[in-house]
């Protein structure tokens, strides 16, 4: 009877612990940009953990790579930026291990694939322009567009030396005029 009770307790605790939901076999990662990890937990699970990226193929990844530390388990998800040197080589057999400080594994994801990502550039990245316009009260205002990629949500910034002079976004005007020109 004691063996049965021990097995039942062991099964119950494993059934009610962290479970990694993504990434998985149907939703892997790409080799560019930030990646998301999601999980389920119960309140008896440790509040914090680390995430390690592993691959059974030691030629693809010789050692586990810790990609996040002190993750707040109560959040149910985290976004991870690429580690120094970028994401590992594209391929199959990757897993995420959710580990405690003593390296004991709390949960392990399904195997997933890292596919080649495409880094696209927005129109704003093609040029960087600065323009200034003298306004009636003698103040100047300027607008600068910095090169960005699509993942970066920065926009042209406007600065004024008179605390509120009218600014003209030459980039927006130029794109609008080009669109009208090609539509006519």
C-alpha atoms as a PDB file:
ATOM      1  CA  UNK A   1       0.000   0.000   0.000  1.00  0.00           C
ATOM      2  CA  UNK A   2       2.855   2.414   0.775  1.00  0.00           C
ATOM      3  CA  UNK A   3       4.345   1.874  -2.694  1.00  0.00           C
ATOM      4  CA  UNK A   4       0.983   2.663  -4.294  1.00  0.00           C
ATOM      5  CA  UNK A   5       0.651   5.848  -2.210  1.00  0.00           C
ATOM      6  CA  UNK A   6       4.196   6.937  -3.095  1.00  0.00           C
ATOM      7  CA  UNK A   7       3.518   6.376  -6.799  1.00  0.00           C
ATOM      8  CA  UNK A   8       0.242   8.272  -6.574  1.00  0.00           C
ATOM      9  CA  UNK A   9       1.908  11.254  -4.839  1.00  0.00           C
ATOM     10  CA  UNK A  10       4.746  11.203  -7.368  1.00  0.00           C
ATOM     11  CA  UNK A  11       2.289  11.187 -10.274  1.00  0.00           C
ATOM     12  CA  UNK A  12       0.162  13.942  -8.730  1.00  0.00           C
ATOM     13  CA  UNK A  13       3.127  16.264  -8.220  1.00  0.00           C
ATOM     14  CA  UNK A  14       4.366  15.722 -11.771  1.00  0.00           C
ATOM     15  CA  UNK A  15       0.876  16.327 -13.159  1.00  0.00           C
ATOM     16  CA  UNK A  16       0.627  19.663 -11.354  1.00  0.00           C
ATOM     17  CA  UNK A  17       3.914  21.377 -12.078  1.00  0.00           C
ATOM     18  CA  UNK A  18       5.432  23.674 -14.677  1.00  0.00           C
ATOM     19  CA  UNK A  19       4.635  22.762 -18.263  1.00  0.00           C
ATOM     20  CA  UNK A  20       6.359  24.514 -21.177  1.00  0.00           C
ATOM     21  CA  UNK A  21       3.806  25.339 -23.891  1.00  0.00           C
ATOM     22  CA  UNK A  22       5.908  27.120 -26.507  1.00  0.00           C
ATOM     23  CA  UNK A  23       8.129  26.713 -28.374  1.00  0.00           C
ATOM     24  CA  UNK A  24       7.145  23.242 -29.527  1.00  0.00           C
ATOM     25  CA  UNK A  25       6.980  20.909 -32.484  1.00  0.00           C
ATOM     26  CA  UNK A  26       4.383  23.058 -34.292  1.00  0.00           C
ATOM     27  CA  UNK A  27       5.701  26.502 -33.362  1.00  0.00           C
ATOM     28  CA  UNK A  28       9.469  26.830 -33.367  1.00  0.00           C
ATOM     29  CA  UNK A  29      11.703  29.868 -33.509  1.00  0.00           C
ATOM     30  CA  UNK A  30      13.491  31.864 -36.189  1.00  0.00           C
ATOM     31  CA  UNK A  31      17.148  32.827 -36.238  1.00  0.00           C
ATOM     32  CA  UNK A  32      16.379  36.559 -35.952  1.00  0.00           C
ATOM     33  CA  UNK A  33      14.726  38.765 -33.391  1.00  0.00           C
ATOM     34  CA  UNK A  34      13.364  38.078 -29.931  1.00  0.00           C
ATOM     35  CA  UNK A  35      11.677  34.753 -29.109  1.00  0.00           C
ATOM     36  CA  UNK A  36       8.798  33.930 -26.777  1.00  0.00           C
ATOM     37  CA  UNK A  37       8.525  31.136 -24.220  1.00  0.00           C
ATOM     38  CA  UNK A  38       5.162  30.359 -22.568  1.00  0.00           C
ATOM     39  CA  UNK A  39       4.267  27.996 -19.730  1.00  0.00           C
ATOM     40  CA  UNK A  40       1.647  26.907 -17.223  1.00  0.00           C
ATOM     41  CA  UNK A  41       2.289  26.661 -13.500  1.00  0.00           C
ATOM     42  CA  UNK A  42       0.625  25.989 -10.195  1.00  0.00           C
ATOM     43  CA  UNK A  43       1.150  28.098  -7.091  1.00  0.00           C
ATOM     44  CA  UNK A  44       3.394  25.487  -5.457  1.00  0.00           C
ATOM     45  CA  UNK A  45       5.960  25.762  -8.288  1.00  0.00           C
ATOM     46  CA  UNK A  46       9.103  27.820  -7.638  1.00  0.00           C
ATOM     47  CA  UNK A  47       8.544  31.528  -8.317  1.00  0.00           C
ATOM     48  CA  UNK A  48      11.790  31.982 -10.289  1.00  0.00           C
ATOM     49  CA  UNK A  49      13.743  29.819 -12.707  1.00  0.00           C
ATOM     50  CA  UNK A  50      16.310  29.963 -15.515  1.00  0.00           C
ATOM     51  CA  UNK A  51      15.847  28.953 -19.149  1.00  0.00           C
ATOM     52  CA  UNK A  52      18.479  27.006 -21.073  1.00  0.00           C
ATOM     53  CA  UNK A  53      18.517  26.196 -24.788  1.00  0.00           C
ATOM     54  CA  UNK A  54      19.729  22.650 -25.511  1.00  0.00           C
ATOM     55  CA  UNK A  55      20.045  20.301 -28.472  1.00  0.00           C
ATOM     56  CA  UNK A  56      20.527  16.523 -28.376  1.00  0.00           C
ATOM     57  CA  UNK A  57      22.885  16.880 -31.350  1.00  0.00           C
ATOM     58  CA  UNK A  58      26.149  17.975 -29.726  1.00  0.00           C
ATOM     59  CA  UNK A  59      27.534  19.012 -33.115  1.00  0.00           C
ATOM     60  CA  UNK A  60      24.743  21.576 -33.447  1.00  0.00           C
ATOM     61  CA  UNK A  61      25.095  22.732 -29.841  1.00  0.00           C
ATOM     62  CA  UNK A  62      27.849  21.175 -27.718  1.00  0.00           C
ATOM     63  CA  UNK A  63      26.659  22.584 -24.372  1.00  0.00           C
ATOM     64  CA  UNK A  64      23.410  24.056 -23.038  1.00  0.00           C
ATOM     65  CA  UNK A  65      23.163  27.841 -23.336  1.00  0.00           C
ATOM     66  CA  UNK A  66      21.462  29.757 -20.529  1.00  0.00           C
ATOM     67  CA  UNK A  67      19.256  32.288 -22.321  1.00  0.00           C
ATOM     68  CA  UNK A  68      17.313  33.786 -19.385  1.00  0.00           C
ATOM     69  CA  UNK A  69      17.894  33.971 -15.639  1.00  0.00           C
ATOM     70  CA  UNK A  70      15.603  34.731 -12.711  1.00  0.00           C
ATOM     71  CA  UNK A  71      12.489  34.500 -14.881  1.00  0.00           C
ATOM     72  CA  UNK A  72       9.283  35.381 -12.994  1.00  0.00           C
ATOM     73  CA  UNK A  73       7.238  32.179 -13.172  1.00  0.00           C
ATOM     74  CA  UNK A  74       3.992  33.927 -12.255  1.00  0.00           C
ATOM     75  CA  UNK A  75       3.926  35.772 -15.601  1.00  0.00           C
ATOM     76  CA  UNK A  76       3.281  32.693 -17.775  1.00  0.00           C
ATOM     77  CA  UNK A  77       5.456  34.017 -20.582  1.00  0.00           C
ATOM     78  CA  UNK A  78       8.689  35.810 -21.330  1.00  0.00           C
ATOM     79  CA  UNK A  79      10.359  37.307 -24.376  1.00  0.00           C
ATOM     80  CA  UNK A  80      14.030  36.541 -24.864  1.00  0.00           C
ATOM     81  CA  UNK A  81      16.424  38.632 -26.935  1.00  0.00           C
ATOM     82  CA  UNK A  82      19.141  36.899 -28.925  1.00  0.00           C
ATOM     83  CA  UNK A  83      22.175  36.012 -26.815  1.00  0.00           C
ATOM     84  CA  UNK A  84      25.618  37.471 -27.552  1.00  0.00           C
ATOM     85  CA  UNK A  85      26.650  36.025 -30.901  1.00  0.00           C
ATOM     86  CA  UNK A  86      23.021  35.551 -31.979  1.00  0.00           C
ATOM     87  CA  UNK A  87      20.796  32.505 -32.006  1.00  0.00           C
ATOM     88  CA  UNK A  88      22.454  29.157 -32.737  1.00  0.00           C
ATOM     89  CA  UNK A  89      22.521  27.523 -36.166  1.00  0.00           C
ATOM     90  CA  UNK A  90      19.217  26.728 -37.820  1.00  0.00           C
ATOM     91  CA  UNK A  91      18.079  23.143 -37.467  1.00  0.00           C
ATOM     92  CA  UNK A  92      15.999  20.603 -35.581  1.00  0.00           C
ATOM     93  CA  UNK A  93      16.169  19.025 -32.147  1.00  0.00           C
ATOM     94  CA  UNK A  94      16.259  22.140 -29.977  1.00  0.00           C
ATOM     95  CA  UNK A  95      14.534  22.208 -26.574  1.00  0.00           C
ATOM     96  CA  UNK A  96      14.067  24.688 -23.765  1.00  0.00           C
ATOM     97  CA  UNK A  97      14.885  23.445 -20.269  1.00  0.00           C
ATOM     98  CA  UNK A  98      13.329  25.279 -17.346  1.00  0.00           C
ATOM     99  CA  UNK A  99      15.880  24.841 -14.563  1.00  0.00           C
ATOM    100  CA  UNK A 100      16.357  25.788 -10.928  1.00  0.00           C
ATOM    101  CA  UNK A 101      19.550  27.295  -9.542  1.00  0.00           C
ATOM    102  CA  UNK A 102      20.878  23.809  -8.761  1.00  0.00           C
ATOM    103  CA  UNK A 103      20.404  22.852 -12.444  1.00  0.00           C
ATOM    104  CA  UNK A 104      17.538  20.461 -11.711  1.00  0.00           C
ATOM    105  CA  UNK A 105      15.051  20.501 -14.580  1.00  0.00           C
ATOM    106  CA  UNK A 106      11.547  21.706 -13.711  1.00  0.00           C
ATOM    107  CA  UNK A 107      10.166  21.239 -17.234  1.00  0.00           C
ATOM    108  CA  UNK A 108      11.345  20.620 -20.780  1.00  0.00           C
ATOM    109  CA  UNK A 109       9.753  21.782 -24.023  1.00  0.00           C
ATOM    110  CA  UNK A 110       8.961  19.579 -26.968  1.00  0.00           C
ATOM    111  CA  UNK A 111      11.650  19.470 -29.634  1.00  0.00           C
ATOM    112  CA  UNK A 112      11.408  22.405 -32.012  1.00  0.00           C
ATOM    113  CA  UNK A 113      13.097  23.829 -35.082  1.00  0.00           C
ATOM    114  CA  UNK A 114      14.989  27.082 -35.463  1.00  0.00           C
ATOM    115  CA  UNK A 115      14.349  28.290 -39.018  1.00  0.00           C
ATOM    116  CA  UNK A 116      16.196  30.972 -40.952  1.00  0.00           C
ATOM    117  CA  UNK A 117      14.623  34.331 -40.183  1.00  0.00           C
ATOM    118  CA  UNK A 118      14.206  37.161 -42.637  1.00  0.00           C
ATOM    119  CA  UNK A 119      15.263  40.612 -41.555  1.00  0.00           C
ATOM    120  CA  UNK A 120      13.290  43.130 -43.558  1.00  0.00           C
ATOM    121  CA  UNK A 121      13.951  46.834 -43.643  1.00  0.00           C
ATOM    122  CA  UNK A 122      11.339  49.535 -43.616  1.00  0.00           C
ATOM    123  CA  UNK A 123      11.245  52.415 -46.102  1.00  0.00           C
ATOM    124  CA  UNK A 124      12.662  54.717 -43.416  1.00  0.00           C
ATOM    125  CA  UNK A 125      15.861  52.687 -43.376  1.00  0.00           C
ATOM    126  CA  UNK A 126      16.596  53.424 -47.016  1.00  0.00           C
ATOM    127  CA  UNK A 127      17.420  57.070 -46.314  1.00  0.00           C
ATOM    128  CA  UNK A 128      18.236  59.321 -43.437  1.00  0.00           C
ATOM    129  CA  UNK A 129      17.251  62.917 -43.985  1.00  0.00           C
ATOM    130  CA  UNK A 130      17.256  66.068 -41.962  1.00  0.00           C
ATOM    131  CA  UNK A 131      15.364  69.172 -42.886  1.00  0.00           C
ATOM    132  CA  UNK A 132      14.909  72.551 -41.285  1.00  0.00           C
ATOM    133  CA  UNK A 133      12.327  75.223 -41.898  1.00  0.00           C
ATOM    134  CA  UNK A 134      12.408  78.836 -40.802  1.00  0.00           C
ATOM    135  CA  UNK A 135       9.042  79.775 -39.331  1.00  0.00           C
ATOM    136  CA  UNK A 136       7.572  83.266 -39.097  1.00  0.00           C
ATOM    137  CA  UNK A 137       8.782  84.015 -35.570  1.00  0.00           C
ATOM    138  CA  UNK A 138      12.411  83.304 -36.478  1.00  0.00           C
ATOM    139  CA  UNK A 139      12.595  79.915 -34.761  1.00  0.00           C
ATOM    140  CA  UNK A 140      13.635  76.799 -36.604  1.00  0.00           C
ATOM    141  CA  UNK A 141      12.293  73.292 -36.369  1.00  0.00           C
ATOM    142  CA  UNK A 142      13.863  70.151 -37.724  1.00  0.00           C
ATOM    143  CA  UNK A 143      12.922  66.552 -38.349  1.00  0.00           C
ATOM    144  CA  UNK A 144      15.303  63.629 -38.598  1.00  0.00           C
ATOM    145  CA  UNK A 145      14.553  60.073 -39.709  1.00  0.00           C
ATOM    146  CA  UNK A 146      17.035  57.479 -38.494  1.00  0.00           C
ATOM    147  CA  UNK A 147      17.570  54.115 -40.216  1.00  0.00           C
ATOM    148  CA  UNK A 148      15.506  51.439 -38.502  1.00  0.00           C
ATOM    149  CA  UNK A 149      14.561  47.847 -39.076  1.00  0.00           C
ATOM    150  CA  UNK A 150      10.989  46.616 -38.937  1.00  0.00           C
ATOM    151  CA  UNK A 151      11.360  45.243 -35.414  1.00  0.00           C
ATOM    152  CA  UNK A 152      12.373  48.682 -34.145  1.00  0.00           C
ATOM    153  CA  UNK A 153       9.341  50.874 -33.640  1.00  0.00           C
ATOM    154  CA  UNK A 154      11.235  54.156 -33.556  1.00  0.00           C
ATOM    155  CA  UNK A 155       9.813  56.972 -35.627  1.00  0.00           C
ATOM    156  CA  UNK A 156      11.181  60.219 -36.958  1.00  0.00           C
ATOM    157  CA  UNK A 157      11.708  62.641 -34.116  1.00  0.00           C
ATOM    158  CA  UNK A 158      10.943  66.321 -34.177  1.00  0.00           C
ATOM    159  CA  UNK A 159      12.860  68.903 -32.219  1.00  0.00           C
ATOM    160  CA  UNK A 160      12.030  72.564 -31.955  1.00  0.00           C
ATOM    161  CA  UNK A 161      14.032  75.365 -30.390  1.00  0.00           C
ATOM    162  CA  UNK A 162      11.027  77.553 -29.639  1.00  0.00           C
ATOM    163  CA  UNK A 163       8.979  75.155 -27.501  1.00  0.00           C
ATOM    164  CA  UNK A 164       6.250  74.488 -30.069  1.00  0.00           C
ATOM    165  CA  UNK A 165       6.982  75.809 -33.550  1.00  0.00           C
ATOM    166  CA  UNK A 166       5.251  73.961 -36.365  1.00  0.00           C
ATOM    167  CA  UNK A 167       7.310  71.027 -37.650  1.00  0.00           C
ATOM    168  CA  UNK A 168       7.119  69.571 -41.124  1.00  0.00           C
ATOM    169  CA  UNK A 169       7.885  65.911 -41.664  1.00  0.00           C
ATOM    170  CA  UNK A 170       9.484  66.059 -45.080  1.00  0.00           C
ATOM    171  CA  UNK A 171       9.704  62.276 -45.266  1.00  0.00           C
ATOM    172  CA  UNK A 172       5.940  61.850 -44.888  1.00  0.00           C
ATOM    173  CA  UNK A 173       5.299  64.601 -47.412  1.00  0.00           C
ATOM    174  CA  UNK A 174       7.689  63.044 -49.943  1.00  0.00           C
ATOM    175  CA  UNK A 175       6.154  59.579 -49.621  1.00  0.00           C
ATOM    176  CA  UNK A 176       2.645  61.023 -49.942  1.00  0.00           C
ATOM    177  CA  UNK A 177       3.583  62.986 -53.069  1.00  0.00           C
ATOM    178  CA  UNK A 178       5.193  59.908 -54.618  1.00  0.00           C
ATOM    179  CA  UNK A 179       2.077  57.853 -53.892  1.00  0.00           C
ATOM    180  CA  UNK A 180      -0.150  60.489 -55.507  1.00  0.00           C
ATOM    181  CA  UNK A 181       2.199  60.731 -58.502  1.00  0.00           C
ATOM    182  CA  UNK A 182       2.080  56.982 -59.156  1.00  0.00           C
ATOM    183  CA  UNK A 183      -1.686  56.766 -58.654  1.00  0.00           C
ATOM    184  CA  UNK A 184      -2.427  59.524 -61.187  1.00  0.00           C
END
